Amino acid sequence: MDKLHEYPHSLKTMVVAIEKYYAGEPIKLICRELEIDPLTFNCWLAEYRHIAVEFIDLKAENEKLRKMFVDLTLKYQHDTKVDHDGPESK
């Protein structure tokens, strides 16, 4: 059986728990909040730490790219509007 299926918790719970840990939340609080045994959490952390770190980095990069896209889209829309209005409206 796949190790992931040995846990009675969902993958989402695992991800949320590890994200909270890396955001600085105490393990005791995380475990109480999500109803996870601290030993289970420590096993998750030991086994999936590298994946969690990469996932968190990818989420941060995705957010950065999303903001860049929005900024460029707004700039393009502004520049296009100025071009269509003609030089006298500048």
C-alpha atoms as a PDB file:
ATOM      1  CA  MET A   1       0.000   0.000   0.000  1.00  0.00           C
ATOM      2  CA  ASP A   2       1.154   3.526  -0.827  1.00  0.00           C
ATOM      3  CA  LYS A   3       2.477   5.368   2.261  1.00  0.00           C
ATOM      4  CA  LEU A   4       0.130   8.275   1.598  1.00  0.00           C
ATOM      5  CA  HIS A   5      -2.888   5.983   1.975  1.00  0.00           C
ATOM      6  CA  GLU A   6      -1.734   4.771   5.397  1.00  0.00           C
ATOM      7  CA  TYR A   7      -2.799   8.100   6.900  1.00  0.00           C
ATOM      8  CA  PRO A   8      -6.421   8.719   7.851  1.00  0.00           C
ATOM      9  CA  HIS A   9      -6.063  12.389   6.869  1.00  0.00           C
ATOM     10  CA  SER A  10      -6.459  13.942   3.452  1.00  0.00           C
ATOM     11  CA  LEU A  11      -3.597  15.237   1.364  1.00  0.00           C
ATOM     12  CA  LYS A  12      -5.077  18.707   1.780  1.00  0.00           C
ATOM     13  CA  THR A  13      -4.820  18.391   5.573  1.00  0.00           C
ATOM     14  CA  MET A  14      -1.179  17.396   5.234  1.00  0.00           C
ATOM     15  CA  VAL A  15      -0.409  20.355   2.985  1.00  0.00           C
ATOM     16  CA  VAL A  16      -2.265  22.830   5.208  1.00  0.00           C
ATOM     17  CA  ALA A  17      -0.509  21.507   8.315  1.00  0.00           C
ATOM     18  CA  ILE A  18       2.967  21.741   6.788  1.00  0.00           C
ATOM     19  CA  GLU A  19       2.266  25.204   5.333  1.00  0.00           C
ATOM     20  CA  LYS A  20       1.146  26.411   8.774  1.00  0.00           C
ATOM     21  CA  TYR A  21       4.346  24.984  10.253  1.00  0.00           C
ATOM     22  CA  TYR A  22       6.512  26.873   7.757  1.00  0.00           C
ATOM     23  CA  ALA A  23       4.465  30.014   8.381  1.00  0.00           C
ATOM     24  CA  GLY A  24       5.630  29.824  12.010  1.00  0.00           C
ATOM     25  CA  GLU A  25       2.614  28.306  13.717  1.00  0.00           C
ATOM     26  CA  PRO A  26       3.498  26.025  16.665  1.00  0.00           C
ATOM     27  CA  ILE A  27       3.126  22.292  16.046  1.00  0.00           C
ATOM     28  CA  LYS A  28       0.972  21.878  19.153  1.00  0.00           C
ATOM     29  CA  LEU A  29      -1.538  24.429  17.841  1.00  0.00           C
ATOM     30  CA  ILE A  30      -1.550  22.970  14.327  1.00  0.00           C
ATOM     31  CA  CYS A  31      -2.192  19.483  15.637  1.00  0.00           C
ATOM     32  CA  ARG A  32      -5.002  20.613  17.925  1.00  0.00           C
ATOM     33  CA  GLU A  33      -6.608  22.731  15.210  1.00  0.00           C
ATOM     34  CA  LEU A  34      -6.498  20.017  12.549  1.00  0.00           C
ATOM     35  CA  GLU A  35      -6.994  17.102  14.963  1.00  0.00           C
ATOM     36  CA  ILE A  36      -3.685  15.476  14.077  1.00  0.00           C
ATOM     37  CA  ASP A  37      -1.527  13.434  16.405  1.00  0.00           C
ATOM     38  CA  PRO A  38       1.839  15.238  16.864  1.00  0.00           C
ATOM     39  CA  LEU A  39       3.677  12.007  16.036  1.00  0.00           C
ATOM     40  CA  THR A  40       1.779  11.794  12.734  1.00  0.00           C
ATOM     41  CA  PHE A  41       2.640  15.401  11.962  1.00  0.00           C
ATOM     42  CA  ASN A  42       6.326  14.811  12.661  1.00  0.00           C
ATOM     43  CA  CYS A  43       6.254  11.784  10.355  1.00  0.00           C
ATOM     44  CA  TRP A  44       4.702  13.925   7.611  1.00  0.00           C
ATOM     45  CA  LEU A  45       7.312  16.580   8.144  1.00  0.00           C
ATOM     46  CA  ALA A  46      10.159  14.081   7.998  1.00  0.00           C
ATOM     47  CA  GLU A  47       8.833  12.406   4.872  1.00  0.00           C
ATOM     48  CA  TYR A  48       7.418  15.323   2.890  1.00  0.00           C
ATOM     49  CA  ARG A  49       9.517  18.308   4.015  1.00  0.00           C
ATOM     50  CA  HIS A  50      11.381  18.600   0.693  1.00  0.00           C
ATOM     51  CA  ILE A  51       8.139  18.487  -1.288  1.00  0.00           C
ATOM     52  CA  ALA A  52       6.499  21.024   1.026  1.00  0.00           C
ATOM     53  CA  VAL A  53       9.383  23.466   0.700  1.00  0.00           C
ATOM     54  CA  GLU A  54       9.315  23.178  -3.084  1.00  0.00           C
ATOM     55  CA  PHE A  55       5.525  23.595  -3.115  1.00  0.00           C
ATOM     56  CA  ILE A  56       5.708  26.722  -0.952  1.00  0.00           C
ATOM     57  CA  ASP A  57       8.421  28.170  -3.203  1.00  0.00           C
ATOM     58  CA  LEU A  58       6.322  27.433  -6.301  1.00  0.00           C
ATOM     59  CA  LYS A  59       3.267  29.103  -4.758  1.00  0.00           C
ATOM     60  CA  ALA A  60       5.334  32.216  -4.004  1.00  0.00           C
ATOM     61  CA  GLU A  61       6.736  32.258  -7.556  1.00  0.00           C
ATOM     62  CA  ASN A  62       3.245  31.772  -8.982  1.00  0.00           C
ATOM     63  CA  GLU A  63       1.946  34.739  -6.978  1.00  0.00           C
ATOM     64  CA  LYS A  64       4.864  36.876  -8.174  1.00  0.00           C
ATOM     65  CA  LEU A  65       4.172  35.940 -11.806  1.00  0.00           C
ATOM     66  CA  ARG A  66       0.444  36.566 -11.350  1.00  0.00           C
ATOM     67  CA  LYS A  67       1.164  40.103 -10.084  1.00  0.00           C
ATOM     68  CA  MET A  68       3.554  40.745 -12.970  1.00  0.00           C
ATOM     69  CA  PHE A  69       0.886  39.585 -15.433  1.00  0.00           C
ATOM     70  CA  VAL A  70      -1.743  41.869 -13.917  1.00  0.00           C
ATOM     71  CA  ASP A  71       0.647  44.842 -13.932  1.00  0.00           C
ATOM     72  CA  LEU A  72       1.638  44.254 -17.559  1.00  0.00           C
ATOM     73  CA  THR A  73      -1.980  43.764 -18.603  1.00  0.00           C
ATOM     74  CA  LEU A  74      -3.015  47.032 -16.959  1.00  0.00           C
ATOM     75  CA  LYS A  75      -0.048  48.846 -18.517  1.00  0.00           C
ATOM     76  CA  TYR A  76      -0.907  47.446 -21.956  1.00  0.00           C
ATOM     77  CA  GLN A  77      -4.554  48.469 -21.575  1.00  0.00           C
ATOM     78  CA  HIS A  78      -3.512  51.967 -20.497  1.00  0.00           C
ATOM     79  CA  ASP A  79      -0.998  52.337 -23.333  1.00  0.00           C
ATOM     80  CA  THR A  80      -3.513  51.058 -25.881  1.00  0.00           C
ATOM     81  CA  LYS A  81      -6.154  53.490 -24.657  1.00  0.00           C
ATOM     82  CA  VAL A  82      -3.706  56.421 -24.861  1.00  0.00           C
ATOM     83  CA  ASP A  83      -2.719  55.405 -28.416  1.00  0.00           C
ATOM     84  CA  HIS A  84      -6.373  55.207 -29.530  1.00  0.00           C
ATOM     85  CA  ASP A  85      -7.262  58.570 -27.960  1.00  0.00           C
ATOM     86  CA  GLY A  86      -4.590  60.294 -29.982  1.00  0.00           C
ATOM     87  CA  PRO A  87      -1.707  62.582 -29.022  1.00  0.00           C
ATOM     88  CA  GLU A  88      -3.930  65.547 -28.114  1.00  0.00           C
ATOM     89  CA  SER A  89      -5.368  63.660 -25.109  1.00  0.00           C
ATOM     90  CA  LYS A  90      -1.926  63.057 -23.572  1.00  0.00           C
END
